[in-house]
Amino acid sequence: MGSIIDEHSGFNADVNAWIGKARAAYLQLKNIWKSKQLSTNTKVRIFNTNVKIVLLYAAETWRTTKAITQKIQVFNNSCLRKILQIH
């Protein structure tokens, strides 16, 4: 699980790769998000432990810019809106 540093975009390629991996983790849990038997609180906890952890893996090594922070926040908010059924 190494970092990707692109000479043109710096850590942007790395962040895009982790967002892609987090999106894959999110999609694998599609049945969880649609479940009527699980509480919203449980779904958010599952999101934090299975998706958000993938998204933020090695984040402490990223050179965070406003654009990178915004990109991560957009993905995070999008997932949570779907889980919470806020469209």
PDB file of N, CA and C in Angstrom:
ATOM      1  N   MET A   1       0.837  -1.177   0.000  1.00  0.00           N
ATOM      2  CA  MET A   1       0.000   0.000   0.000  1.00  0.00           C
ATOM      3  C   MET A   1       0.880   1.239   0.000  1.00  0.00           C
ATOM      4  N   GLY A   2       1.570   1.469  -1.090  1.00  0.00           N
ATOM      5  CA  GLY A   2       2.468   2.599  -1.172  1.00  0.00           C
ATOM      6  C   GLY A   2       1.771   3.855  -1.632  1.00  0.00           C
ATOM      7  N   SER A   3       2.533   4.943  -1.646  1.00  0.00           N
ATOM      8  CA  SER A   3       2.001   6.222  -2.088  1.00  0.00           C
ATOM      9  C   SER A   3       2.368   6.457  -3.539  1.00  0.00           C
ATOM     10  N   ILE A   4       1.504   7.165  -4.235  1.00  0.00           N
ATOM     11  CA  ILE A   4       1.732   7.531  -5.622  1.00  0.00           C
ATOM     12  C   ILE A   4       1.964   9.032  -5.648  1.00  0.00           C
ATOM     13  N   ILE A   5       3.133   9.430  -6.135  1.00  0.00           N
ATOM     14  CA  ILE A   5       3.418  10.856  -6.247  1.00  0.00           C
ATOM     15  C   ILE A   5       3.620  11.158  -7.724  1.00  0.00           C
ATOM     16  N   ASP A   6       2.729  11.919  -8.276  1.00  0.00           N
ATOM     17  CA  ASP A   6       2.751  12.304  -9.673  1.00  0.00           C
ATOM     18  C   ASP A   6       3.515  13.617  -9.766  1.00  0.00           C
ATOM     19  N   GLU A   7       4.407  13.745 -10.751  1.00  0.00           N
ATOM     20  CA  GLU A   7       5.215  14.962 -10.839  1.00  0.00           C
ATOM     21  C   GLU A   7       4.381  16.205 -11.130  1.00  0.00           C
ATOM     22  N   HIS A   8       3.211  16.037 -11.725  1.00  0.00           N
ATOM     23  CA  HIS A   8       2.371  17.191 -12.044  1.00  0.00           C
ATOM     24  C   HIS A   8       1.384  17.518 -10.936  1.00  0.00           C
ATOM     25  N   SER A   9       0.840  16.492 -10.303  1.00  0.00           N
ATOM     26  CA  SER A   9      -0.217  16.751  -9.322  1.00  0.00           C
ATOM     27  C   SER A   9       0.180  16.427  -7.891  1.00  0.00           C
ATOM     28  N   GLY A  10       1.432  16.071  -7.651  1.00  0.00           N
ATOM     29  CA  GLY A  10       1.869  15.780  -6.288  1.00  0.00           C
ATOM     30  C   GLY A  10       1.119  14.602  -5.710  1.00  0.00           C
ATOM     31  N   PHE A  11       0.493  14.803  -4.574  1.00  0.00           N
ATOM     32  CA  PHE A  11      -0.216  13.730  -3.889  1.00  0.00           C
ATOM     33  C   PHE A  11      -1.644  13.557  -4.403  1.00  0.00           C
ATOM     34  N   ASN A  12      -2.045  14.338  -5.389  1.00  0.00           N
ATOM     35  CA  ASN A  12      -3.401  14.245  -5.916  1.00  0.00           C
ATOM     36  C   ASN A  12      -3.701  12.843  -6.449  1.00  0.00           C
ATOM     37  N   ALA A  13      -2.751  12.244  -7.152  1.00  0.00           N
ATOM     38  CA  ALA A  13      -2.943  10.883  -7.674  1.00  0.00           C
ATOM     39  C   ALA A  13      -3.098   9.899  -6.525  1.00  0.00           C
ATOM     40  N   ASP A  14      -2.343  10.104  -5.463  1.00  0.00           N
ATOM     41  CA  ASP A  14      -2.425   9.247  -4.281  1.00  0.00           C
ATOM     42  C   ASP A  14      -3.811   9.346  -3.648  1.00  0.00           C
ATOM     43  N   VAL A  15      -4.303  10.550  -3.495  1.00  0.00           N
ATOM     44  CA  VAL A  15      -5.626  10.769  -2.895  1.00  0.00           C
ATOM     45  C   VAL A  15      -6.708  10.157  -3.777  1.00  0.00           C
ATOM     46  N   ASN A  16      -6.593  10.335  -5.082  1.00  0.00           N
ATOM     47  CA  ASN A  16      -7.572   9.736  -5.999  1.00  0.00           C
ATOM     48  C   ASN A  16      -7.573   8.217  -5.883  1.00  0.00           C
ATOM     49  N   ALA A  17      -6.403   7.621  -5.719  1.00  0.00           N
ATOM     50  CA  ALA A  17      -6.312   6.163  -5.561  1.00  0.00           C
ATOM     51  C   ALA A  17      -7.012   5.720  -4.284  1.00  0.00           C
ATOM     52  N   TRP A  18      -6.801   6.446  -3.181  1.00  0.00           N
ATOM     53  CA  TRP A  18      -7.442   6.067  -1.913  1.00  0.00           C
ATOM     54  C   TRP A  18      -8.942   6.302  -1.950  1.00  0.00           C
ATOM     55  N   ILE A  19      -9.386   7.330  -2.641  1.00  0.00           N
ATOM     56  CA  ILE A  19     -10.826   7.546  -2.798  1.00  0.00           C
ATOM     57  C   ILE A  19     -11.425   6.394  -3.600  1.00  0.00           C
ATOM     58  N   GLY A  20     -10.726   5.947  -4.626  1.00  0.00           N
ATOM     59  CA  GLY A  20     -11.194   4.802  -5.407  1.00  0.00           C
ATOM     60  C   GLY A  20     -11.302   3.543  -4.570  1.00  0.00           C
ATOM     61  N   LYS A  21     -10.314   3.306  -3.712  1.00  0.00           N
ATOM     62  CA  LYS A  21     -10.346   2.133  -2.829  1.00  0.00           C
ATOM     63  C   LYS A  21     -11.470   2.254  -1.802  1.00  0.00           C
ATOM     64  N   ALA A  22     -11.668   3.453  -1.288  1.00  0.00           N
ATOM     65  CA  ALA A  22     -12.748   3.669  -0.318  1.00  0.00           C
ATOM     66  C   ALA A  22     -14.107   3.495  -0.994  1.00  0.00           C
ATOM     67  N   ARG A  23     -14.224   3.956  -2.238  1.00  0.00           N
ATOM     68  CA  ARG A  23     -15.476   3.784  -2.986  1.00  0.00           C
ATOM     69  C   ARG A  23     -15.764   2.297  -3.193  1.00  0.00           C
ATOM     70  N   ALA A  24     -14.730   1.519  -3.506  1.00  0.00           N
ATOM     71  CA  ALA A  24     -14.902   0.069  -3.674  1.00  0.00           C
ATOM     72  C   ALA A  24     -15.359  -0.569  -2.365  1.00  0.00           C
ATOM     73  N   ALA A  25     -14.764  -0.145  -1.248  1.00  0.00           N
ATOM     74  CA  ALA A  25     -15.166  -0.673   0.063  1.00  0.00           C
ATOM     75  C   ALA A  25     -16.616  -0.302   0.356  1.00  0.00           C
ATOM     76  N   TYR A  26     -16.997   0.920   0.023  1.00  0.00           N
ATOM     77  CA  TYR A  26     -18.374   1.382   0.232  1.00  0.00           C
ATOM     78  C   TYR A  26     -19.355   0.539  -0.587  1.00  0.00           C
ATOM     79  N   LEU A  27     -19.028   0.309  -1.839  1.00  0.00           N
ATOM     80  CA  LEU A  27     -19.924  -0.441  -2.720  1.00  0.00           C
ATOM     81  C   LEU A  27     -20.050  -1.904  -2.310  1.00  0.00           C
ATOM     82  N   GLN A  28     -19.000  -2.467  -1.737  1.00  0.00           N
ATOM     83  CA  GLN A  28     -19.068  -3.851  -1.264  1.00  0.00           C
ATOM     84  C   GLN A  28     -20.063  -4.006  -0.120  1.00  0.00           C
ATOM     85  N   LEU A  29     -20.350  -2.921   0.565  1.00  0.00           N
ATOM     86  CA  LEU A  29     -21.258  -2.954   1.714  1.00  0.00           C
ATOM     87  C   LEU A  29     -22.656  -2.441   1.360  1.00  0.00           C
ATOM     88  N   LYS A  30     -22.985  -2.456   0.079  1.00  0.00           N
ATOM     89  CA  LYS A  30     -24.268  -1.934  -0.405  1.00  0.00           C
ATOM     90  C   LYS A  30     -25.462  -2.542   0.334  1.00  0.00           C
ATOM     91  N   ASN A  31     -25.414  -3.830   0.616  1.00  0.00           N
ATOM     92  CA  ASN A  31     -26.530  -4.477   1.321  1.00  0.00           C
ATOM     93  C   ASN A  31     -26.692  -3.940   2.745  1.00  0.00           C
ATOM     94  N   ILE A  32     -25.590  -3.563   3.362  1.00  0.00           N
ATOM     95  CA  ILE A  32     -25.635  -2.979   4.712  1.00  0.00           C
ATOM     96  C   ILE A  32     -26.375  -1.647   4.661  1.00  0.00           C
ATOM     97  N   TRP A  33     -26.019  -0.807   3.686  1.00  0.00           N
ATOM     98  CA  TRP A  33     -26.613   0.538   3.605  1.00  0.00           C
ATOM     99  C   TRP A  33     -28.107   0.467   3.327  1.00  0.00           C
ATOM    100  N   LYS A  34     -28.553  -0.564   2.599  1.00  0.00           N
ATOM    101  CA  LYS A  34     -29.974  -0.702   2.258  1.00  0.00           C
ATOM    102  C   LYS A  34     -30.778  -1.421   3.340  1.00  0.00           C
ATOM    103  N   SER A  35     -30.103  -2.003   4.299  1.00  0.00           N
ATOM    104  CA  SER A  35     -30.772  -2.807   5.323  1.00  0.00           C
ATOM    105  C   SER A  35     -31.725  -1.970   6.171  1.00  0.00           C
ATOM    106  N   LYS A  36     -32.907  -2.505   6.375  1.00  0.00           N
ATOM    107  CA  LYS A  36     -33.895  -1.866   7.256  1.00  0.00           C
ATOM    108  C   LYS A  36     -33.738  -2.371   8.691  1.00  0.00           C
ATOM    109  N   GLN A  37     -32.971  -3.442   8.864  1.00  0.00           N
ATOM    110  CA  GLN A  37     -32.806  -4.053  10.187  1.00  0.00           C
ATOM    111  C   GLN A  37     -31.718  -3.384  11.021  1.00  0.00           C
ATOM    112  N   LEU A  38     -30.839  -2.635  10.365  1.00  0.00           N
ATOM    113  CA  LEU A  38     -29.756  -1.968  11.089  1.00  0.00           C
ATOM    114  C   LEU A  38     -30.113  -0.507  11.344  1.00  0.00           C
ATOM    115  N   SER A  39     -29.751  -0.028  12.509  1.00  0.00           N
ATOM    116  CA  SER A  39     -30.008   1.380  12.834  1.00  0.00           C
ATOM    117  C   SER A  39     -29.045   2.276  12.053  1.00  0.00           C
ATOM    118  N   THR A  40     -29.418   3.521  11.925  1.00  0.00           N
ATOM    119  CA  THR A  40     -28.558   4.498  11.263  1.00  0.00           C
ATOM    120  C   THR A  40     -27.228   4.613  11.993  1.00  0.00           C
ATOM    121  N   ASN A  41     -27.273   4.599  13.316  1.00  0.00           N
ATOM    122  CA  ASN A  41     -26.059   4.682  14.113  1.00  0.00           C
ATOM    123  C   ASN A  41     -25.113   3.522  13.791  1.00  0.00           C
ATOM    124  N   THR A  42     -25.651   2.329  13.669  1.00  0.00           N
ATOM    125  CA  THR A  42     -24.834   1.159  13.342  1.00  0.00           C
ATOM    126  C   THR A  42     -24.234   1.295  11.945  1.00  0.00           C
ATOM    127  N   LYS A  43     -25.018   1.771  11.003  1.00  0.00           N
ATOM    128  CA  LYS A  43     -24.522   1.958   9.639  1.00  0.00           C
ATOM    129  C   LYS A  43     -23.374   2.967   9.600  1.00  0.00           C
ATOM    130  N   VAL A  44     -23.506   4.050  10.343  1.00  0.00           N
ATOM    131  CA  VAL A  44     -22.445   5.062  10.384  1.00  0.00           C
ATOM    132  C   VAL A  44     -21.191   4.484  11.029  1.00  0.00           C
ATOM    133  N   ARG A  45     -21.361   3.688  12.058  1.00  0.00           N
ATOM    134  CA  ARG A  45     -20.204   3.048  12.698  1.00  0.00           C
ATOM    135  C   ARG A  45     -19.515   2.081  11.740  1.00  0.00           C
ATOM    136  N   ILE A  46     -20.301   1.339  10.973  1.00  0.00           N
ATOM    137  CA  ILE A  46     -19.734   0.432   9.968  1.00  0.00           C
ATOM    138  C   ILE A  46     -18.999   1.242   8.899  1.00  0.00           C
ATOM    139  N   PHE A  47     -19.582   2.359   8.482  1.00  0.00           N
ATOM    140  CA  PHE A  47     -18.926   3.239   7.510  1.00  0.00           C
ATOM    141  C   PHE A  47     -17.574   3.716   8.045  1.00  0.00           C
ATOM    142  N   ASN A  48     -17.561   4.182   9.285  1.00  0.00           N
ATOM    143  CA  ASN A  48     -16.326   4.709   9.870  1.00  0.00           C
ATOM    144  C   ASN A  48     -15.238   3.651   9.993  1.00  0.00           C
ATOM    145  N   THR A  49     -15.631   2.417  10.297  1.00  0.00           N
ATOM    146  CA  THR A  49     -14.627   1.370  10.516  1.00  0.00           C
ATOM    147  C   THR A  49     -14.230   0.620   9.253  1.00  0.00           C
ATOM    148  N   ASN A  50     -15.026   0.713   8.189  1.00  0.00           N
ATOM    149  CA  ASN A  50     -14.722  -0.057   6.987  1.00  0.00           C
ATOM    150  C   ASN A  50     -14.443   0.778   5.744  1.00  0.00           C
ATOM    151  N   VAL A  51     -14.959   1.973   5.689  1.00  0.00           N
ATOM    152  CA  VAL A  51     -14.771   2.815   4.510  1.00  0.00           C
ATOM    153  C   VAL A  51     -13.853   3.993   4.829  1.00  0.00           C
ATOM    154  N   LYS A  52     -14.183   4.708   5.876  1.00  0.00           N
ATOM    155  CA  LYS A  52     -13.403   5.901   6.229  1.00  0.00           C
ATOM    156  C   LYS A  52     -11.952   5.547   6.553  1.00  0.00           C
ATOM    157  N   ILE A  53     -11.753   4.393   7.164  1.00  0.00           N
ATOM    158  CA  ILE A  53     -10.395   3.975   7.499  1.00  0.00           C
ATOM    159  C   ILE A  53      -9.571   3.725   6.233  1.00  0.00           C
ATOM    160  N   VAL A  54     -10.216   3.203   5.184  1.00  0.00           N
ATOM    161  CA  VAL A  54      -9.538   3.009   3.899  1.00  0.00           C
ATOM    162  C   VAL A  54      -9.239   4.367   3.276  1.00  0.00           C
ATOM    163  N   LEU A  55     -10.207   5.260   3.324  1.00  0.00           N
ATOM    164  CA  LEU A  55     -10.051   6.595   2.746  1.00  0.00           C
ATOM    165  C   LEU A  55      -8.875   7.343   3.369  1.00  0.00           C
ATOM    166  N   LEU A  56      -8.735   7.233   4.668  1.00  0.00           N
ATOM    167  CA  LEU A  56      -7.725   8.032   5.372  1.00  0.00           C
ATOM    168  C   LEU A  56      -6.424   7.282   5.645  1.00  0.00           C
ATOM    169  N   TYR A  57      -6.278   6.077   5.091  1.00  0.00           N
ATOM    170  CA  TYR A  57      -5.051   5.316   5.290  1.00  0.00           C
ATOM    171  C   TYR A  57      -3.855   6.133   4.792  1.00  0.00           C
ATOM    172  N   ALA A  58      -2.863   6.288   5.616  1.00  0.00           N
ATOM    173  CA  ALA A  58      -1.627   7.019   5.309  1.00  0.00           C
ATOM    174  C   ALA A  58      -1.853   8.515   5.072  1.00  0.00           C
ATOM    175  N   ALA A  59      -2.996   9.037   5.483  1.00  0.00           N
ATOM    176  CA  ALA A  59      -3.298  10.454   5.262  1.00  0.00           C
ATOM    177  C   ALA A  59      -2.300  11.370   5.958  1.00  0.00           C
ATOM    178  N   GLU A  60      -1.713  10.881   7.052  1.00  0.00           N
ATOM    179  CA  GLU A  60      -0.750  11.723   7.765  1.00  0.00           C
ATOM    180  C   GLU A  60       0.498  11.999   6.930  1.00  0.00           C
ATOM    181  N   THR A  61       0.707  11.230   5.856  1.00  0.00           N
ATOM    182  CA  THR A  61       1.873  11.461   4.999  1.00  0.00           C
ATOM    183  C   THR A  61       1.548  12.362   3.815  1.00  0.00           C
ATOM    184  N   TRP A  62       0.264  12.677   3.604  1.00  0.00           N
ATOM    185  CA  TRP A  62      -0.125  13.507   2.477  1.00  0.00           C
ATOM    186  C   TRP A  62       0.177  14.969   2.755  1.00  0.00           C
ATOM    187  N   ARG A  63       0.552  15.675   1.719  1.00  0.00           N
ATOM    188  CA  ARG A  63       0.671  17.125   1.828  1.00  0.00           C
ATOM    189  C   ARG A  63      -0.727  17.670   1.566  1.00  0.00           C
ATOM    190  N   THR A  64      -1.443  17.953   2.633  1.00  0.00           N
ATOM    191  CA  THR A  64      -2.843  18.334   2.474  1.00  0.00           C
ATOM    192  C   THR A  64      -2.970  19.784   2.029  1.00  0.00           C
ATOM    193  N   THR A  65      -3.729  19.940   0.996  1.00  0.00           N
ATOM    194  CA  THR A  65      -4.069  21.265   0.491  1.00  0.00           C
ATOM    195  C   THR A  65      -5.575  21.431   0.661  1.00  0.00           C
ATOM    196  N   LYS A  66      -6.038  22.618   0.421  1.00  0.00           N
ATOM    197  CA  LYS A  66      -7.478  22.871   0.514  1.00  0.00           C
ATOM    198  C   LYS A  66      -8.231  21.995  -0.487  1.00  0.00           C
ATOM    199  N   ALA A  67      -7.677  21.837  -1.683  1.00  0.00           N
ATOM    200  CA  ALA A  67      -8.329  21.029  -2.722  1.00  0.00           C
ATOM    201  C   ALA A  67      -8.410  19.561  -2.321  1.00  0.00           C
ATOM    202  N   ILE A  68      -7.350  19.026  -1.736  1.00  0.00           N
ATOM    203  CA  ILE A  68      -7.340  17.627  -1.304  1.00  0.00           C
ATOM    204  C   ILE A  68      -8.324  17.424  -0.161  1.00  0.00           C
ATOM    205  N   THR A  69      -8.308  18.332   0.793  1.00  0.00           N
ATOM    206  CA  THR A  69      -9.240  18.241   1.918  1.00  0.00           C
ATOM    207  C   THR A  69     -10.678  18.288   1.418  1.00  0.00           C
ATOM    208  N   GLN A  70     -10.953  19.161   0.466  1.00  0.00           N
ATOM    209  CA  GLN A  70     -12.306  19.282  -0.084  1.00  0.00           C
ATOM    210  C   GLN A  70     -12.704  18.006  -0.821  1.00  0.00           C
ATOM    211  N   LYS A  71     -11.789  17.423  -1.581  1.00  0.00           N
ATOM    212  CA  LYS A  71     -12.075  16.197  -2.329  1.00  0.00           C
ATOM    213  C   LYS A  71     -12.441  15.059  -1.378  1.00  0.00           C
ATOM    214  N   ILE A  72     -11.702  14.938  -0.279  1.00  0.00           N
ATOM    215  CA  ILE A  72     -11.980  13.903   0.723  1.00  0.00           C
ATOM    216  C   ILE A  72     -13.330  14.164   1.384  1.00  0.00           C
ATOM    217  N   GLN A  73     -13.599  15.416   1.723  1.00  0.00           N
ATOM    218  CA  GLN A  73     -14.853  15.774   2.386  1.00  0.00           C
ATOM    219  C   GLN A  73     -16.056  15.528   1.481  1.00  0.00           C
ATOM    220  N   VAL A  74     -15.910  15.816   0.197  1.00  0.00           N
ATOM    221  CA  VAL A  74     -17.004  15.585  -0.754  1.00  0.00           C
ATOM    222  C   VAL A  74     -17.345  14.100  -0.808  1.00  0.00           C
ATOM    223  N   PHE A  75     -16.326  13.243  -0.894  1.00  0.00           N
ATOM    224  CA  PHE A  75     -16.579  11.800  -0.919  1.00  0.00           C
ATOM    225  C   PHE A  75     -17.240  11.351   0.379  1.00  0.00           C
ATOM    226  N   ASN A  76     -16.694  11.786   1.497  1.00  0.00           N
ATOM    227  CA  ASN A  76     -17.217  11.415   2.813  1.00  0.00           C
ATOM    228  C   ASN A  76     -18.684  11.841   2.954  1.00  0.00           C
ATOM    229  N   ASN A  77     -18.972  13.088   2.619  1.00  0.00           N
ATOM    230  CA  ASN A  77     -20.344  13.603   2.727  1.00  0.00           C
ATOM    231  C   ASN A  77     -21.301  12.874   1.789  1.00  0.00           C
ATOM    232  N   SER A  78     -20.837  12.566   0.593  1.00  0.00           N
ATOM    233  CA  SER A  78     -21.669  11.852  -0.371  1.00  0.00           C
ATOM    234  C   SER A  78     -22.082  10.485   0.169  1.00  0.00           C
ATOM    235  N   CYS A  79     -21.124   9.762   0.720  1.00  0.00           N
ATOM    236  CA  CYS A  79     -21.426   8.445   1.302  1.00  0.00           C
ATOM    237  C   CYS A  79     -22.410   8.576   2.461  1.00  0.00           C
ATOM    238  N   LEU A  80     -22.153   9.513   3.350  1.00  0.00           N
ATOM    239  CA  LEU A  80     -23.028   9.671   4.516  1.00  0.00           C
ATOM    240  C   LEU A  80     -24.439  10.092   4.118  1.00  0.00           C
ATOM    241  N   ARG A  81     -24.562  10.949   3.096  1.00  0.00           N
ATOM    242  CA  ARG A  81     -25.901  11.335   2.626  1.00  0.00           C
ATOM    243  C   ARG A  81     -26.664  10.121   2.115  1.00  0.00           C
ATOM    244  N   LYS A  82     -25.979   9.238   1.407  1.00  0.00           N
ATOM    245  CA  LYS A  82     -26.635   8.025   0.902  1.00  0.00           C
ATOM    246  C   LYS A  82     -27.034   7.109   2.053  1.00  0.00           C
ATOM    247  N   ILE A  83     -26.150   6.952   3.021  1.00  0.00           N
ATOM    248  CA  ILE A  83     -26.446   6.097   4.175  1.00  0.00           C
ATOM    249  C   ILE A  83     -27.626   6.655   4.967  1.00  0.00           C
ATOM    250  N   LEU A  84     -27.634   7.965   5.156  1.00  0.00           N
ATOM    251  CA  LEU A  84     -28.688   8.618   5.938  1.00  0.00           C
ATOM    252  C   LEU A  84     -29.940   8.909   5.110  1.00  0.00           C
ATOM    253  N   GLN A  85     -29.882   8.559   3.829  1.00  0.00           N
ATOM    254  CA  GLN A  85     -30.981   8.776   2.890  1.00  0.00           C
ATOM    255  C   GLN A  85     -31.377  10.244   2.800  1.00  0.00           C
ATOM    256  N   ILE A  86     -30.378  11.095   2.737  1.00  0.00           N
ATOM    257  CA  ILE A  86     -30.566  12.539   2.543  1.00  0.00           C
ATOM    258  C   ILE A  86     -30.158  12.823   1.100  1.00  0.00           C
ATOM    259  N   HIS A  87     -31.128  13.141   0.266  1.00  0.00           N
ATOM    260  CA  HIS A  87     -30.821  13.310  -1.158  1.00  0.00           C
ATOM    261  C   HIS A  87     -30.881  14.729  -1.551  1.00  0.00           C
TER     262      HIS A  87
END
